[in-house]
Amino acid sequence: MHKLLVLNGPNLDILGTRQPEYYGTTTLAELGECLAELAARNNVELDFFQTNYEGAAVEKLHAARGTVDAIIINPASFTPYGVAVRSALVASEVPAILVHISNIYGRTDAPDRHRDVIAPVVIGQVCGLGVYGYVLAFHTALRHLGGGLQSLQDIRFT
């Protein structure tokens, strides 16, 4: 059985209500439930975590070292300047896939969103495909670990 950590950064606790034109209407709880169902169908232990605090993200990444097989990370607003998160991710020595719900490179409302200090240290990224990007990242993590999804059946987001 593989163990995956899904680490969500700041403001994702209000996913579904915050700027739905960029992030959609699926809540973090709904996303977590969908991923938990996907994990159960694929014999994966899932640790789904969200924090608004950089120190908590760093501690979670430290704890992942040697205990987690892969990480799916949406650093959210840690993306442009989260050097401590980046360093902790590298120190974890765990392969990671980066998820951005919106297309950060196409955002015109905040040019600082184009900067991403996390992207250079992950094995790949999914960007701009909404919360479905987490499903693609999940599949990619399993493929990287030598497996793949058993079923995508009934994965639906609002």
C-alpha atoms as a PDB file:
ATOM      1  CA  MET A   1       0.000   0.000   0.000  1.00  0.00           C
ATOM      2  CA  HIS A   2       1.341   3.408  -0.956  1.00  0.00           C
ATOM      3  CA  LYS A   3       0.986   6.461   1.239  1.00  0.00           C
ATOM      4  CA  LEU A   4       0.368   9.878  -0.313  1.00  0.00           C
ATOM      5  CA  LEU A   5       0.395  13.273   1.349  1.00  0.00           C
ATOM      6  CA  VAL A   6      -1.775  15.972  -0.177  1.00  0.00           C
ATOM      7  CA  LEU A   7      -0.553  19.291   1.205  1.00  0.00           C
ATOM      8  CA  ASN A   8      -2.728  22.353   0.632  1.00  0.00           C
ATOM      9  CA  GLY A   9      -1.500  25.851   1.396  1.00  0.00           C
ATOM     10  CA  PRO A  10      -3.069  29.130   2.512  1.00  0.00           C
ATOM     11  CA  ASN A  11      -6.642  30.109   1.712  1.00  0.00           C
ATOM     12  CA  LEU A  12      -7.571  26.708   0.325  1.00  0.00           C
ATOM     13  CA  ASP A  13      -9.675  26.245   3.444  1.00  0.00           C
ATOM     14  CA  ILE A  14     -12.135  28.667   1.786  1.00  0.00           C
ATOM     15  CA  LEU A  15     -12.036  26.896  -1.572  1.00  0.00           C
ATOM     16  CA  GLY A  16     -15.448  26.894  -3.199  1.00  0.00           C
ATOM     17  CA  THR A  17     -16.353  30.384  -2.038  1.00  0.00           C
ATOM     18  CA  ARG A  18     -13.180  32.375  -2.716  1.00  0.00           C
ATOM     19  CA  GLN A  19     -12.948  33.693  -6.272  1.00  0.00           C
ATOM     20  CA  PRO A  20     -14.951  30.870  -7.881  1.00  0.00           C
ATOM     21  CA  GLU A  21     -14.159  32.341 -11.305  1.00  0.00           C
ATOM     22  CA  TYR A  22     -10.575  31.120 -10.756  1.00  0.00           C
ATOM     23  CA  TYR A  23     -10.940  28.237  -8.318  1.00  0.00           C
ATOM     24  CA  GLY A  24     -14.420  26.808  -8.969  1.00  0.00           C
ATOM     25  CA  THR A  25     -17.115  25.937  -6.472  1.00  0.00           C
ATOM     26  CA  THR A  26     -15.816  22.632  -5.099  1.00  0.00           C
ATOM     27  CA  THR A  27     -14.999  23.007  -1.410  1.00  0.00           C
ATOM     28  CA  LEU A  28     -11.864  21.656   0.221  1.00  0.00           C
ATOM     29  CA  ALA A  29     -14.006  19.160   2.139  1.00  0.00           C
ATOM     30  CA  GLU A  30     -15.588  17.918  -1.103  1.00  0.00           C
ATOM     31  CA  LEU A  31     -12.168  17.659  -2.726  1.00  0.00           C
ATOM     32  CA  GLY A  32     -10.866  15.701   0.264  1.00  0.00           C
ATOM     33  CA  GLU A  33     -13.836  13.320   0.123  1.00  0.00           C
ATOM     34  CA  CYS A  34     -13.333  12.666  -3.598  1.00  0.00           C
ATOM     35  CA  LEU A  35      -9.641  11.991  -3.127  1.00  0.00           C
ATOM     36  CA  ALA A  36     -10.339   9.746  -0.123  1.00  0.00           C
ATOM     37  CA  GLU A  37     -12.731   7.681  -2.266  1.00  0.00           C
ATOM     38  CA  LEU A  38     -10.144   7.535  -5.044  1.00  0.00           C
ATOM     39  CA  ALA A  39      -7.486   6.463  -2.541  1.00  0.00           C
ATOM     40  CA  ALA A  40      -9.702   3.734  -1.093  1.00  0.00           C
ATOM     41  CA  ARG A  41     -10.428   2.335  -4.575  1.00  0.00           C
ATOM     42  CA  ASN A  42      -6.722   2.265  -5.347  1.00  0.00           C
ATOM     43  CA  ASN A  43      -5.439   0.851  -2.050  1.00  0.00           C
ATOM     44  CA  VAL A  44      -3.675   4.091  -1.108  1.00  0.00           C
ATOM     45  CA  GLU A  45      -3.384   5.599   2.346  1.00  0.00           C
ATOM     46  CA  LEU A  46      -4.106   9.318   2.031  1.00  0.00           C
ATOM     47  CA  ASP A  47      -3.089  12.137   4.352  1.00  0.00           C
ATOM     48  CA  PHE A  48      -5.052  15.227   3.265  1.00  0.00           C
ATOM     49  CA  PHE A  49      -3.778  18.348   5.010  1.00  0.00           C
ATOM     50  CA  GLN A  50      -4.345  22.110   4.748  1.00  0.00           C
ATOM     51  CA  THR A  51      -2.610  24.938   6.557  1.00  0.00           C
ATOM     52  CA  ASN A  52      -2.487  28.704   6.406  1.00  0.00           C
ATOM     53  CA  TYR A  53       0.875  28.711   8.200  1.00  0.00           C
ATOM     54  CA  GLU A  54       4.239  28.186   6.558  1.00  0.00           C
ATOM     55  CA  GLY A  55       5.736  26.588   9.675  1.00  0.00           C
ATOM     56  CA  ALA A  56       3.000  23.952   9.773  1.00  0.00           C
ATOM     57  CA  ALA A  57       3.643  23.136   6.095  1.00  0.00           C
ATOM     58  CA  VAL A  58       7.362  22.812   6.795  1.00  0.00           C
ATOM     59  CA  GLU A  59       6.722  20.506   9.767  1.00  0.00           C
ATOM     60  CA  LYS A  60       4.349  18.348   7.705  1.00  0.00           C
ATOM     61  CA  LEU A  61       6.984  18.010   4.982  1.00  0.00           C
ATOM     62  CA  HIS A  62       9.639  17.099   7.563  1.00  0.00           C
ATOM     63  CA  ALA A  63       7.314  14.404   8.935  1.00  0.00           C
ATOM     64  CA  ALA A  64       6.809  13.042   5.401  1.00  0.00           C
ATOM     65  CA  ARG A  65      10.458  12.066   5.101  1.00  0.00           C
ATOM     66  CA  GLY A  66      10.679   8.289   5.202  1.00  0.00           C
ATOM     67  CA  THR A  67       6.949   7.858   5.892  1.00  0.00           C
ATOM     68  CA  VAL A  68       5.273   8.967   2.644  1.00  0.00           C
ATOM     69  CA  ASP A  69       5.780   7.596  -0.864  1.00  0.00           C
ATOM     70  CA  ALA A  70       4.713  10.702  -2.789  1.00  0.00           C
ATOM     71  CA  ILE A  71       3.455  14.232  -2.180  1.00  0.00           C
ATOM     72  CA  ILE A  72       0.851  16.235  -4.039  1.00  0.00           C
ATOM     73  CA  ILE A  73       1.358  19.875  -3.128  1.00  0.00           C
ATOM     74  CA  ASN A  74      -0.717  22.939  -3.840  1.00  0.00           C
ATOM     75  CA  PRO A  75       1.395  25.620  -2.173  1.00  0.00           C
ATOM     76  CA  ALA A  76      -1.196  28.299  -2.958  1.00  0.00           C
ATOM     77  CA  SER A  77       0.163  31.663  -1.815  1.00  0.00           C
ATOM     78  CA  PHE A  78       3.441  30.038  -0.719  1.00  0.00           C
ATOM     79  CA  THR A  79       4.103  29.629  -4.464  1.00  0.00           C
ATOM     80  CA  PRO A  80       5.982  32.857  -5.237  1.00  0.00           C
ATOM     81  CA  TYR A  81       8.077  33.265  -2.078  1.00  0.00           C
ATOM     82  CA  GLY A  82       7.766  30.062  -0.001  1.00  0.00           C
ATOM     83  CA  VAL A  83      11.473  29.292   0.170  1.00  0.00           C
ATOM     84  CA  ALA A  84      11.062  27.493   3.507  1.00  0.00           C
ATOM     85  CA  VAL A  85       8.398  25.228   1.993  1.00  0.00           C
ATOM     86  CA  ARG A  86      10.620  24.607  -1.031  1.00  0.00           C
ATOM     87  CA  SER A  87      13.587  23.713   1.206  1.00  0.00           C
ATOM     88  CA  ALA A  88      11.454  21.386   3.323  1.00  0.00           C
ATOM     89  CA  LEU A  89      10.088  19.708   0.206  1.00  0.00           C
ATOM     90  CA  VAL A  90      13.626  19.078  -1.035  1.00  0.00           C
ATOM     91  CA  ALA A  91      14.716  17.857   2.417  1.00  0.00           C
ATOM     92  CA  SER A  92      11.800  15.403   2.549  1.00  0.00           C
ATOM     93  CA  GLU A  93      13.410  13.453  -0.322  1.00  0.00           C
ATOM     94  CA  VAL A  94       9.902  12.446  -1.416  1.00  0.00           C
ATOM     95  CA  PRO A  95       8.840  12.767  -5.064  1.00  0.00           C
ATOM     96  CA  ALA A  96       6.250  15.516  -5.414  1.00  0.00           C
ATOM     97  CA  ILE A  97       3.717  16.690  -7.961  1.00  0.00           C
ATOM     98  CA  LEU A  98       2.655  20.333  -7.949  1.00  0.00           C
ATOM     99  CA  VAL A  99      -0.971  21.377  -8.437  1.00  0.00           C
ATOM    100  CA  HIS A 100      -2.252  24.845  -9.244  1.00  0.00           C
ATOM    101  CA  ILE A 101      -6.027  25.044  -9.598  1.00  0.00           C
ATOM    102  CA  SER A 102      -5.852  28.176 -11.740  1.00  0.00           C
ATOM    103  CA  ASN A 103      -3.421  28.855 -14.565  1.00  0.00           C
ATOM    104  CA  ILE A 104      -0.975  30.960 -12.569  1.00  0.00           C
ATOM    105  CA  TYR A 105       0.944  31.862 -15.716  1.00  0.00           C
ATOM    106  CA  GLY A 106      -2.136  33.353 -17.334  1.00  0.00           C
ATOM    107  CA  ARG A 107      -3.384  35.316 -14.351  1.00  0.00           C
ATOM    108  CA  THR A 108      -3.500  39.047 -15.047  1.00  0.00           C
ATOM    109  CA  ASP A 109      -5.013  40.037 -11.696  1.00  0.00           C
ATOM    110  CA  ALA A 110      -1.762  39.479  -9.774  1.00  0.00           C
ATOM    111  CA  PRO A 111       1.519  39.266 -11.718  1.00  0.00           C
ATOM    112  CA  ASP A 112       3.394  37.915  -8.671  1.00  0.00           C
ATOM    113  CA  ARG A 113       1.407  34.705  -9.169  1.00  0.00           C
ATOM    114  CA  HIS A 114       3.571  33.957 -12.231  1.00  0.00           C
ATOM    115  CA  ARG A 115       6.591  33.357  -9.975  1.00  0.00           C
ATOM    116  CA  ASP A 116       6.849  29.786  -8.670  1.00  0.00           C
ATOM    117  CA  VAL A 117       9.734  28.755  -6.398  1.00  0.00           C
ATOM    118  CA  ILE A 118       8.281  25.253  -5.912  1.00  0.00           C
ATOM    119  CA  ALA A 119       8.088  24.144  -9.570  1.00  0.00           C
ATOM    120  CA  PRO A 120      11.836  23.565 -10.045  1.00  0.00           C
ATOM    121  CA  VAL A 121      11.963  20.913  -7.282  1.00  0.00           C
ATOM    122  CA  VAL A 122       8.999  18.690  -8.235  1.00  0.00           C
ATOM    123  CA  ILE A 123       8.800  15.867 -10.762  1.00  0.00           C
ATOM    124  CA  GLY A 124       5.924  17.556 -12.591  1.00  0.00           C
ATOM    125  CA  GLN A 125       3.009  19.910 -12.307  1.00  0.00           C
ATOM    126  CA  VAL A 126      -0.647  20.233 -13.225  1.00  0.00           C
ATOM    127  CA  CYS A 127      -1.732  23.808 -13.753  1.00  0.00           C
ATOM    128  CA  GLY A 128      -5.021  25.458 -14.666  1.00  0.00           C
ATOM    129  CA  LEU A 129      -7.281  22.406 -14.805  1.00  0.00           C
ATOM    130  CA  GLY A 130      -9.278  23.185 -11.678  1.00  0.00           C
ATOM    131  CA  VAL A 131      -9.574  20.696  -8.854  1.00  0.00           C
ATOM    132  CA  TYR A 132      -9.445  17.889 -11.408  1.00  0.00           C
ATOM    133  CA  GLY A 133      -5.709  18.597 -11.427  1.00  0.00           C
ATOM    134  CA  TYR A 134      -5.527  16.764  -8.084  1.00  0.00           C
ATOM    135  CA  VAL A 135      -6.885  13.598  -9.736  1.00  0.00           C
ATOM    136  CA  LEU A 136      -4.282  13.876 -12.479  1.00  0.00           C
ATOM    137  CA  ALA A 137      -1.573  14.449  -9.876  1.00  0.00           C
ATOM    138  CA  PHE A 138      -2.822  11.418  -7.903  1.00  0.00           C
ATOM    139  CA  HIS A 139      -2.619   9.281 -11.034  1.00  0.00           C
ATOM    140  CA  THR A 140       0.830  10.656 -11.846  1.00  0.00           C
ATOM    141  CA  ALA A 141       2.067   9.892  -8.328  1.00  0.00           C
ATOM    142  CA  LEU A 142       0.887   6.285  -8.608  1.00  0.00           C
ATOM    143  CA  ARG A 143       2.458   5.923 -12.062  1.00  0.00           C
ATOM    144  CA  HIS A 144       5.722   7.308 -10.692  1.00  0.00           C
ATOM    145  CA  LEU A 145       5.562   4.695  -7.936  1.00  0.00           C
ATOM    146  CA  GLY A 146       5.082   1.926 -10.498  1.00  0.00           C
ATOM    147  CA  GLY A 147       1.320   1.612 -10.528  1.00  0.00           C
ATOM    148  CA  GLY A 148      -1.612   3.586 -11.799  1.00  0.00           C
ATOM    149  CA  LEU A 149      -5.228   4.294 -11.088  1.00  0.00           C
ATOM    150  CA  GLN A 150      -7.550   1.346 -10.892  1.00  0.00           C
ATOM    151  CA  SER A 151     -10.650   3.466 -11.440  1.00  0.00           C
ATOM    152  CA  LEU A 152     -11.651   7.049 -12.210  1.00  0.00           C
ATOM    153  CA  GLN A 153     -15.307   6.082 -12.115  1.00  0.00           C
ATOM    154  CA  ASP A 154     -17.680   8.570 -10.472  1.00  0.00           C
ATOM    155  CA  ILE A 155     -15.126  11.325  -9.856  1.00  0.00           C
ATOM    156  CA  ARG A 156     -17.235  14.469 -10.102  1.00  0.00           C
ATOM    157  CA  PHE A 157     -16.591  17.975  -8.895  1.00  0.00           C
ATOM    158  CA  THR A 158     -18.927  20.952  -8.809  1.00  0.00           C
END
